[in-house]
Amino acid sequence: MSNTTTTTAPNTITSANQNEIISRVLVAIDGSDSSMNAADNAISI
């Protein structure tokens, strides 16, 4: 059984199991504005 996680809006994540707690988030950073925004969003989670 696999859980599917999709991003539906900024800072909103839906999961097949709503009781899961996110313990780690991996974000690739290449120095672009988009990747820095992704890192900022990941930190705020």
N, C-alpha and C. Protein backbone atom coordinates (compact mmCIF):
# COMPACT_ATOMS: atom_id res chain seq x y z
N MET A 1 0.85 -1.18 0.00
CA MET A 1 0.00 0.00 0.00
C MET A 1 0.89 1.23 0.00
N SER A 2 0.67 2.13 -0.91
CA SER A 2 1.48 3.34 -0.97
C SER A 2 0.62 4.56 -0.73
N ASN A 3 1.19 5.53 -0.04
CA ASN A 3 0.50 6.79 0.19
C ASN A 3 0.93 7.78 -0.88
N THR A 4 0.01 8.53 -1.41
CA THR A 4 0.30 9.53 -2.42
C THR A 4 0.16 10.90 -1.79
N THR A 5 1.21 11.72 -1.91
CA THR A 5 1.18 13.07 -1.38
C THR A 5 1.29 14.04 -2.54
N THR A 6 0.38 15.01 -2.59
CA THR A 6 0.40 16.00 -3.65
C THR A 6 0.30 17.40 -3.06
N THR A 7 0.93 18.34 -3.70
CA THR A 7 0.83 19.73 -3.28
C THR A 7 -0.33 20.37 -4.03
N THR A 8 -1.28 20.91 -3.28
CA THR A 8 -2.47 21.48 -3.91
C THR A 8 -2.44 23.00 -3.93
N ALA A 9 -1.71 23.61 -3.03
CA ALA A 9 -1.59 25.06 -2.96
C ALA A 9 -0.38 25.35 -2.08
N PRO A 10 0.16 26.56 -2.14
CA PRO A 10 1.30 26.87 -1.29
C PRO A 10 1.00 26.57 0.17
N ASN A 11 1.91 25.84 0.81
CA ASN A 11 1.82 25.48 2.23
C ASN A 11 0.64 24.56 2.56
N THR A 12 0.02 23.93 1.56
CA THR A 12 -1.07 23.00 1.80
C THR A 12 -0.70 21.66 1.19
N ILE A 13 -0.60 20.64 2.03
CA ILE A 13 -0.24 19.31 1.55
C ILE A 13 -1.34 18.35 1.95
N THR A 14 -1.83 17.56 0.99
CA THR A 14 -2.81 16.54 1.31
C THR A 14 -2.15 15.19 1.19
N SER A 15 -2.56 14.27 2.03
CA SER A 15 -1.97 12.95 2.05
C SER A 15 -3.08 11.92 2.13
N ALA A 16 -2.79 10.71 1.68
CA ALA A 16 -3.76 9.63 1.76
C ALA A 16 -4.07 9.31 3.22
N ASN A 17 -3.14 9.60 4.11
CA ASN A 17 -3.34 9.36 5.54
C ASN A 17 -3.13 10.68 6.27
N GLN A 18 -4.22 11.35 6.65
CA GLN A 18 -4.15 12.67 7.26
C GLN A 18 -3.53 12.65 8.66
N ASN A 19 -3.37 11.47 9.27
CA ASN A 19 -2.80 11.37 10.61
C ASN A 19 -1.29 11.30 10.61
N GLU A 20 -0.66 11.29 9.45
CA GLU A 20 0.79 11.23 9.38
C GLU A 20 1.41 12.55 9.82
N ILE A 21 2.56 12.45 10.44
CA ILE A 21 3.31 13.64 10.84
C ILE A 21 4.55 13.70 9.96
N ILE A 22 4.77 14.85 9.35
CA ILE A 22 5.95 15.03 8.51
C ILE A 22 7.14 15.24 9.43
N SER A 23 8.13 14.36 9.34
CA SER A 23 9.29 14.49 10.20
C SER A 23 10.49 15.08 9.45
N ARG A 24 10.52 14.91 8.13
CA ARG A 24 11.62 15.45 7.34
C ARG A 24 11.11 15.88 5.97
N VAL A 25 11.67 16.95 5.45
CA VAL A 25 11.35 17.42 4.12
C VAL A 25 12.66 17.66 3.39
N LEU A 26 12.81 17.07 2.21
CA LEU A 26 14.01 17.22 1.41
C LEU A 26 13.71 18.17 0.25
N VAL A 27 14.49 19.24 0.13
CA VAL A 27 14.30 20.23 -0.93
C VAL A 27 15.64 20.43 -1.64
N ALA A 28 15.61 20.28 -2.95
CA ALA A 28 16.82 20.53 -3.74
C ALA A 28 16.95 22.04 -3.96
N ILE A 29 18.14 22.56 -3.72
CA ILE A 29 18.38 24.00 -3.87
C ILE A 29 19.46 24.22 -4.91
N ASP A 30 19.15 25.02 -5.93
CA ASP A 30 20.14 25.32 -6.97
C ASP A 30 20.46 26.81 -7.04
N GLY A 31 19.93 27.57 -6.08
CA GLY A 31 20.22 29.00 -6.04
C GLY A 31 19.17 29.86 -6.73
N SER A 32 18.23 29.22 -7.45
CA SER A 32 17.19 30.00 -8.13
C SER A 32 16.16 30.51 -7.12
N ASP A 33 15.41 31.52 -7.53
CA ASP A 33 14.36 32.06 -6.66
C ASP A 33 13.33 31.00 -6.29
N SER A 34 12.96 30.17 -7.26
CA SER A 34 11.97 29.12 -7.01
C SER A 34 12.46 28.12 -5.97
N SER A 35 13.72 27.72 -6.08
CA SER A 35 14.23 26.75 -5.11
C SER A 35 14.38 27.38 -3.73
N MET A 36 14.72 28.64 -3.66
CA MET A 36 14.82 29.31 -2.37
C MET A 36 13.43 29.46 -1.73
N ASN A 37 12.41 29.75 -2.55
CA ASN A 37 11.04 29.81 -2.04
C ASN A 37 10.61 28.44 -1.53
N ALA A 38 10.96 27.39 -2.24
CA ALA A 38 10.64 26.03 -1.81
C ALA A 38 11.30 25.72 -0.47
N ALA A 39 12.55 26.14 -0.31
CA ALA A 39 13.26 25.92 0.96
C ALA A 39 12.58 26.69 2.09
N ASP A 40 12.20 27.92 1.84
CA ASP A 40 11.51 28.73 2.85
C ASP A 40 10.20 28.07 3.26
N ASN A 41 9.45 27.56 2.27
CA ASN A 41 8.19 26.89 2.56
C ASN A 41 8.41 25.62 3.35
N ALA A 42 9.44 24.88 3.01
CA ALA A 42 9.75 23.64 3.74
C ALA A 42 10.14 23.93 5.18
N ILE A 43 10.88 25.00 5.40
CA ILE A 43 11.29 25.37 6.75
C ILE A 43 10.08 25.75 7.58
N SER A 44 9.10 26.41 6.95
CA SER A 44 7.92 26.86 7.70
C SER A 44 7.00 25.71 8.08
N ILE A 45 7.15 24.56 7.43
CA ILE A 45 6.34 23.39 7.80
C ILE A 45 6.88 22.92 9.11
